[in-house]
Amino acid sequence: METLKESLRLTLTHPVFGVGPGMFAEAVARKAQERSMHVGYLETHNSFTEISSECGIPALGLYLAALFT
């Protein structure tokens, strides 16, 4: 559940371009390092929040449009 919340936080803090394709784990690790915490290598495991946090909200819109077409 915490990973889902973190992916939503990254979506809100980087709404247009996201953190970069495939960079979710790096962004979470960087944020944990700033807080002096240790976090294991995690992926979001939710395709919608993965796309929105890594590529931004416009990419999520395109993904949803392709999905529903």
PDB file of N, CA and C in Angstrom:
ATOM      1  N   MET A   1       0.821  -1.193   0.000  1.00  0.00           N
ATOM      2  CA  MET A   1       0.000   0.000   0.000  1.00  0.00           C
ATOM      3  C   MET A   1       0.870   1.264   0.000  1.00  0.00           C
ATOM      4  N   GLU A   2       1.988   1.185   0.710  1.00  0.00           N
ATOM      5  CA  GLU A   2       2.886   2.345   0.768  1.00  0.00           C
ATOM      6  C   GLU A   2       3.493   2.647  -0.603  1.00  0.00           C
ATOM      7  N   THR A   3       3.770   1.599  -1.375  1.00  0.00           N
ATOM      8  CA  THR A   3       4.324   1.797  -2.722  1.00  0.00           C
ATOM      9  C   THR A   3       3.302   2.486  -3.613  1.00  0.00           C
ATOM     10  N   LEU A   4       2.032   2.121  -3.480  1.00  0.00           N
ATOM     11  CA  LEU A   4       0.967   2.772  -4.249  1.00  0.00           C
ATOM     12  C   LEU A   4       0.877   4.251  -3.875  1.00  0.00           C
ATOM     13  N   LYS A   5       0.926   4.542  -2.583  1.00  0.00           N
ATOM     14  CA  LYS A   5       0.876   5.940  -2.132  1.00  0.00           C
ATOM     15  C   LYS A   5       2.067   6.733  -2.660  1.00  0.00           C
ATOM     16  N   GLU A   6       3.245   6.098  -2.656  1.00  0.00           N
ATOM     17  CA  GLU A   6       4.441   6.783  -3.149  1.00  0.00           C
ATOM     18  C   GLU A   6       4.334   7.065  -4.648  1.00  0.00           C
ATOM     19  N   SER A   7       3.775   6.130  -5.404  1.00  0.00           N
ATOM     20  CA  SER A   7       3.620   6.372  -6.844  1.00  0.00           C
ATOM     21  C   SER A   7       2.628   7.500  -7.099  1.00  0.00           C
ATOM     22  N   LEU A   8       1.596   7.605  -6.276  1.00  0.00           N
ATOM     23  CA  LEU A   8       0.658   8.726  -6.415  1.00  0.00           C
ATOM     24  C   LEU A   8       1.310  10.049  -6.023  1.00  0.00           C
ATOM     25  N   ARG A   9       2.170  10.038  -4.986  1.00  0.00           N
ATOM     26  CA  ARG A   9       2.903  11.258  -4.608  1.00  0.00           C
ATOM     27  C   ARG A   9       3.829  11.715  -5.735  1.00  0.00           C
ATOM     28  N   LEU A  10       4.500  10.754  -6.366  1.00  0.00           N
ATOM     29  CA  LEU A  10       5.388  11.109  -7.476  1.00  0.00           C
ATOM     30  C   LEU A  10       4.592  11.661  -8.657  1.00  0.00           C
ATOM     31  N   THR A  11       3.403  11.127  -8.878  1.00  0.00           N
ATOM     32  CA  THR A  11       2.543  11.649  -9.945  1.00  0.00           C
ATOM     33  C   THR A  11       2.176  13.104  -9.668  1.00  0.00           C
ATOM     34  N   LEU A  12       1.841  13.397  -8.427  1.00  0.00           N
ATOM     35  CA  LEU A  12       1.446  14.766  -8.076  1.00  0.00           C
ATOM     36  C   LEU A  12       2.615  15.745  -8.072  1.00  0.00           C
ATOM     37  N   THR A  13       3.814  15.268  -7.752  1.00  0.00           N
ATOM     38  CA  THR A  13       4.968  16.166  -7.729  1.00  0.00           C
ATOM     39  C   THR A  13       5.623  16.321  -9.097  1.00  0.00           C
ATOM     40  N   HIS A  14       5.400  15.377 -10.010  1.00  0.00           N
ATOM     41  CA  HIS A  14       5.932  15.437 -11.377  1.00  0.00           C
ATOM     42  C   HIS A  14       4.804  15.137 -12.367  1.00  0.00           C
ATOM     43  N   PRO A  15       3.793  16.019 -12.474  1.00  0.00           N
ATOM     44  CA  PRO A  15       2.594  15.679 -13.242  1.00  0.00           C
ATOM     45  C   PRO A  15       2.763  15.654 -14.759  1.00  0.00           C
ATOM     46  N   VAL A  16       3.651  16.431 -15.323  1.00  0.00           N
ATOM     47  CA  VAL A  16       3.717  16.540 -16.784  1.00  0.00           C
ATOM     48  C   VAL A  16       4.594  15.455 -17.407  1.00  0.00           C
ATOM     49  N   PHE A  17       5.823  15.332 -16.955  1.00  0.00           N
ATOM     50  CA  PHE A  17       6.758  14.380 -17.562  1.00  0.00           C
ATOM     51  C   PHE A  17       7.076  13.186 -16.675  1.00  0.00           C
ATOM     52  N   GLY A  18       6.636  13.173 -15.431  1.00  0.00           N
ATOM     53  CA  GLY A  18       6.953  12.081 -14.520  1.00  0.00           C
ATOM     54  C   GLY A  18       8.423  12.092 -14.135  1.00  0.00           C
ATOM     55  N   VAL A  19       8.886  10.988 -13.576  1.00  0.00           N
ATOM     56  CA  VAL A  19      10.281  10.896 -13.161  1.00  0.00           C
ATOM     57  C   VAL A  19      11.147  10.238 -14.225  1.00  0.00           C
ATOM     58  N   GLY A  20      10.539   9.765 -15.283  1.00  0.00           N
ATOM     59  CA  GLY A  20      11.270   9.123 -16.368  1.00  0.00           C
ATOM     60  C   GLY A  20      10.903   7.654 -16.466  1.00  0.00           C
ATOM     61  N   PRO A  21      10.820   7.135 -17.681  1.00  0.00           N
ATOM     62  CA  PRO A  21      10.464   5.726 -17.867  1.00  0.00           C
ATOM     63  C   PRO A  21      11.462   4.794 -17.182  1.00  0.00           C
ATOM     64  N   GLY A  22      10.939   3.907 -16.351  1.00  0.00           N
ATOM     65  CA  GLY A  22      11.780   2.955 -15.649  1.00  0.00           C
ATOM     66  C   GLY A  22      12.531   3.513 -14.456  1.00  0.00           C
ATOM     67  N   MET A  23      12.228   4.733 -14.051  1.00  0.00           N
ATOM     68  CA  MET A  23      12.991   5.397 -12.988  1.00  0.00           C
ATOM     69  C   MET A  23      12.240   5.473 -11.656  1.00  0.00           C
ATOM     70  N   PHE A  24      11.141   4.746 -11.518  1.00  0.00           N
ATOM     71  CA  PHE A  24      10.369   4.798 -10.271  1.00  0.00           C
ATOM     72  C   PHE A  24      11.214   4.366  -9.079  1.00  0.00           C
ATOM     73  N   ALA A  25      11.883   3.228  -9.189  1.00  0.00           N
ATOM     74  CA  ALA A  25      12.692   2.718  -8.079  1.00  0.00           C
ATOM     75  C   ALA A  25      13.826   3.682  -7.730  1.00  0.00           C
ATOM     76  N   GLU A  26      14.437   4.290  -8.739  1.00  0.00           N
ATOM     77  CA  GLU A  26      15.506   5.261  -8.495  1.00  0.00           C
ATOM     78  C   GLU A  26      14.970   6.483  -7.760  1.00  0.00           C
ATOM     79  N   ALA A  27      13.799   6.961  -8.151  1.00  0.00           N
ATOM     80  CA  ALA A  27      13.219   8.141  -7.503  1.00  0.00           C
ATOM     81  C   ALA A  27      12.865   7.846  -6.052  1.00  0.00           C
ATOM     82  N   VAL A  28      12.327   6.657  -5.787  1.00  0.00           N
ATOM     83  CA  VAL A  28      11.984   6.281  -4.417  1.00  0.00           C
ATOM     84  C   VAL A  28      13.253   6.135  -3.582  1.00  0.00           C
ATOM     85  N   ALA A  29      14.286   5.534  -4.151  1.00  0.00           N
ATOM     86  CA  ALA A  29      15.553   5.365  -3.424  1.00  0.00           C
ATOM     87  C   ALA A  29      16.194   6.717  -3.125  1.00  0.00           C
ATOM     88  N   ARG A  30      16.150   7.636  -4.087  1.00  0.00           N
ATOM     89  CA  ARG A  30      16.710   8.967  -3.885  1.00  0.00           C
ATOM     90  C   ARG A  30      15.984   9.708  -2.760  1.00  0.00           C
ATOM     91  N   LYS A  31      14.649   9.591  -2.762  1.00  0.00           N
ATOM     92  CA  LYS A  31      13.860  10.260  -1.730  1.00  0.00           C
ATOM     93  C   LYS A  31      14.139   9.656  -0.356  1.00  0.00           C
ATOM     94  N   ALA A  32      14.301   8.331  -0.288  1.00  0.00           N
ATOM     95  CA  ALA A  32      14.612   7.674   0.984  1.00  0.00           C
ATOM     96  C   ALA A  32      15.996   8.062   1.467  1.00  0.00           C
ATOM     97  N   GLN A  33      16.932   8.240   0.547  1.00  0.00           N
ATOM     98  CA  GLN A  33      18.285   8.641   0.910  1.00  0.00           C
ATOM     99  C   GLN A  33      18.291  10.041   1.529  1.00  0.00           C
ATOM    100  N   GLU A  34      17.449  10.925   1.006  1.00  0.00           N
ATOM    101  CA  GLU A  34      17.335  12.271   1.571  1.00  0.00           C
ATOM    102  C   GLU A  34      16.825  12.227   3.006  1.00  0.00           C
ATOM    103  N   ARG A  35      15.984  11.237   3.305  1.00  0.00           N
ATOM    104  CA  ARG A  35      15.429  11.080   4.648  1.00  0.00           C
ATOM    105  C   ARG A  35      16.294  10.177   5.528  1.00  0.00           C
ATOM    106  N   SER A  36      17.434   9.746   5.020  1.00  0.00           N
ATOM    107  CA  SER A  36      18.350   8.827   5.723  1.00  0.00           C
ATOM    108  C   SER A  36      17.669   7.505   6.074  1.00  0.00           C
ATOM    109  N   MET A  37      16.901   6.988   5.127  1.00  0.00           N
ATOM    110  CA  MET A  37      16.219   5.714   5.293  1.00  0.00           C
ATOM    111  C   MET A  37      16.732   4.737   4.239  1.00  0.00           C
ATOM    112  N   HIS A  38      16.493   3.467   4.463  1.00  0.00           N
ATOM    113  CA  HIS A  38      16.838   2.447   3.486  1.00  0.00           C
ATOM    114  C   HIS A  38      15.556   1.826   2.945  1.00  0.00           C
ATOM    115  N   VAL A  39      15.458   1.768   1.627  1.00  0.00           N
ATOM    116  CA  VAL A  39      14.295   1.176   0.981  1.00  0.00           C
ATOM    117  C   VAL A  39      14.795   0.151  -0.025  1.00  0.00           C
ATOM    118  N   GLY A  40      14.149  -1.003  -0.059  1.00  0.00           N
ATOM    119  CA  GLY A  40      14.514  -2.017  -1.039  1.00  0.00           C
ATOM    120  C   GLY A  40      14.087  -1.602  -2.434  1.00  0.00           C
ATOM    121  N   TYR A  41      14.544  -2.317  -3.433  1.00  0.00           N
ATOM    122  CA  TYR A  41      14.210  -2.019  -4.821  1.00  0.00           C
ATOM    123  C   TYR A  41      12.757  -2.396  -5.056  1.00  0.00           C
ATOM    124  N   LEU A  42      11.916  -1.428  -5.285  1.00  0.00           N
ATOM    125  CA  LEU A  42      10.486  -1.663  -5.445  1.00  0.00           C
ATOM    126  C   LEU A  42       9.990  -1.123  -6.779  1.00  0.00           C
ATOM    127  N   GLU A  43       9.081  -1.833  -7.369  1.00  0.00           N
ATOM    128  CA  GLU A  43       8.338  -1.346  -8.517  1.00  0.00           C
ATOM    129  C   GLU A  43       6.898  -1.147  -8.079  1.00  0.00           C
ATOM    130  N   THR A  44       6.157  -0.343  -8.803  1.00  0.00           N
ATOM    131  CA  THR A  44       4.821   0.010  -8.361  1.00  0.00           C
ATOM    132  C   THR A  44       3.787  -1.101  -8.550  1.00  0.00           C
ATOM    133  N   HIS A  45       3.922  -2.013  -9.486  1.00  0.00           N
ATOM    134  CA  HIS A  45       3.039  -3.149  -9.721  1.00  0.00           C
ATOM    135  C   HIS A  45       1.603  -2.744 -10.057  1.00  0.00           C
ATOM    136  N   ASN A  46       1.393  -1.532 -10.456  1.00  0.00           N
ATOM    137  CA  ASN A  46       0.093  -1.056 -10.897  1.00  0.00           C
ATOM    138  C   ASN A  46       0.351  -0.288 -12.179  1.00  0.00           C
ATOM    139  N   SER A  47      -0.161  -0.789 -13.285  1.00  0.00           N
ATOM    140  CA  SER A  47       0.191  -0.187 -14.578  1.00  0.00           C
ATOM    141  C   SER A  47      -0.241   1.271 -14.685  1.00  0.00           C
ATOM    142  N   PHE A  48      -1.362   1.621 -14.093  1.00  0.00           N
ATOM    143  CA  PHE A  48      -1.846   3.001 -14.191  1.00  0.00           C
ATOM    144  C   PHE A  48      -0.957   3.965 -13.411  1.00  0.00           C
ATOM    145  N   THR A  49      -0.620   3.614 -12.174  1.00  0.00           N
ATOM    146  CA  THR A  49       0.234   4.514 -11.401  1.00  0.00           C
ATOM    147  C   THR A  49       1.679   4.444 -11.868  1.00  0.00           C
ATOM    148  N   GLU A  50       2.079   3.330 -12.454  1.00  0.00           N
ATOM    149  CA  GLU A  50       3.433   3.246 -13.015  1.00  0.00           C
ATOM    150  C   GLU A  50       3.585   4.231 -14.170  1.00  0.00           C
ATOM    151  N   ILE A  51       2.612   4.245 -15.064  1.00  0.00           N
ATOM    152  CA  ILE A  51       2.679   5.155 -16.204  1.00  0.00           C
ATOM    153  C   ILE A  51       2.574   6.601 -15.750  1.00  0.00           C
ATOM    154  N   SER A  52       1.661   6.884 -14.819  1.00  0.00           N
ATOM    155  CA  SER A  52       1.493   8.278 -14.385  1.00  0.00           C
ATOM    156  C   SER A  52       2.704   8.788 -13.617  1.00  0.00           C
ATOM    157  N   SER A  53       3.326   7.945 -12.785  1.00  0.00           N
ATOM    158  CA  SER A  53       4.475   8.425 -12.018  1.00  0.00           C
ATOM    159  C   SER A  53       5.751   8.467 -12.846  1.00  0.00           C
ATOM    160  N   GLU A  54       5.898   7.556 -13.805  1.00  0.00           N
ATOM    161  CA  GLU A  54       7.124   7.529 -14.608  1.00  0.00           C
ATOM    162  C   GLU A  54       7.044   8.422 -15.844  1.00  0.00           C
ATOM    163  N   CYS A  55       5.871   8.545 -16.454  1.00  0.00           N
ATOM    164  CA  CYS A  55       5.759   9.281 -17.724  1.00  0.00           C
ATOM    165  C   CYS A  55       4.841  10.490 -17.659  1.00  0.00           C
ATOM    166  N   GLY A  56       4.116  10.674 -16.564  1.00  0.00           N
ATOM    167  CA  GLY A  56       3.261  11.843 -16.408  1.00  0.00           C
ATOM    168  C   GLY A  56       1.799  11.578 -16.722  1.00  0.00           C
ATOM    169  N   ILE A  57       0.980  12.531 -16.371  1.00  0.00           N
ATOM    170  CA  ILE A  57      -0.466  12.416 -16.550  1.00  0.00           C
ATOM    171  C   ILE A  57      -0.866  12.413 -18.031  1.00  0.00           C
ATOM    172  N   PRO A  58      -0.221  13.204 -18.904  1.00  0.00           N
ATOM    173  CA  PRO A  58      -0.583  13.115 -20.327  1.00  0.00           C
ATOM    174  C   PRO A  58      -0.364  11.707 -20.899  1.00  0.00           C
ATOM    175  N   ALA A  59       0.695  11.037 -20.490  1.00  0.00           N
ATOM    176  CA  ALA A  59       0.940   9.670 -20.957  1.00  0.00           C
ATOM    177  C   ALA A  59      -0.124   8.726 -20.424  1.00  0.00           C
ATOM    178  N   LEU A  60      -0.581   8.947 -19.193  1.00  0.00           N
ATOM    179  CA  LEU A  60      -1.659   8.139 -18.641  1.00  0.00           C
ATOM    180  C   LEU A  60      -2.928   8.321 -19.451  1.00  0.00           C
ATOM    181  N   GLY A  61      -3.209   9.561 -19.865  1.00  0.00           N
ATOM    182  CA  GLY A  61      -4.369   9.816 -20.714  1.00  0.00           C
ATOM    183  C   GLY A  61      -4.283   9.083 -22.039  1.00  0.00           C
ATOM    184  N   LEU A  62      -3.104   9.094 -22.651  1.00  0.00           N
ATOM    185  CA  LEU A  62      -2.917   8.377 -23.913  1.00  0.00           C
ATOM    186  C   LEU A  62      -3.060   6.871 -23.704  1.00  0.00           C
ATOM    187  N   TYR A  63      -2.542   6.366 -22.608  1.00  0.00           N
ATOM    188  CA  TYR A  63      -2.657   4.943 -22.290  1.00  0.00           C
ATOM    189  C   TYR A  63      -4.112   4.539 -22.120  1.00  0.00           C
ATOM    190  N   LEU A  64      -4.864   5.349 -21.388  1.00  0.00           N
ATOM    191  CA  LEU A  64      -6.281   5.050 -21.187  1.00  0.00           C
ATOM    192  C   LEU A  64      -7.065   5.134 -22.487  1.00  0.00           C
ATOM    193  N   ALA A  65      -6.723   6.126 -23.326  1.00  0.00           N
ATOM    194  CA  ALA A  65      -7.411   6.240 -24.631  1.00  0.00           C
ATOM    195  C   ALA A  65      -7.132   5.011 -25.502  1.00  0.00           C
ATOM    196  N   ALA A  66      -5.888   4.548 -25.498  1.00  0.00           N
ATOM    197  CA  ALA A  66      -5.553   3.344 -26.269  1.00  0.00           C
ATOM    198  C   ALA A  66      -6.238   2.116 -25.690  1.00  0.00           C
ATOM    199  N   LEU A  67      -6.363   2.063 -24.389  1.00  0.00           N
ATOM    200  CA  LEU A  67      -6.982   0.932 -23.733  1.00  0.00           C
ATOM    201  C   LEU A  67      -8.475   0.830 -24.048  1.00  0.00           C
ATOM    202  N   PHE A  68      -9.145   1.969 -24.089  1.00  0.00           N
ATOM    203  CA  PHE A  68     -10.587   1.981 -24.322  1.00  0.00           C
ATOM    204  C   PHE A  68     -10.989   2.024 -25.794  1.00  0.00           C
ATOM    205  N   THR A  69     -10.010   2.149 -26.686  1.00  0.00           N
ATOM    206  CA  THR A  69     -10.362   2.180 -28.116  1.00  0.00           C
ATOM    207  C   THR A  69     -10.505   0.837 -28.706  1.00  0.00           C
TER     208      THR A  69
END
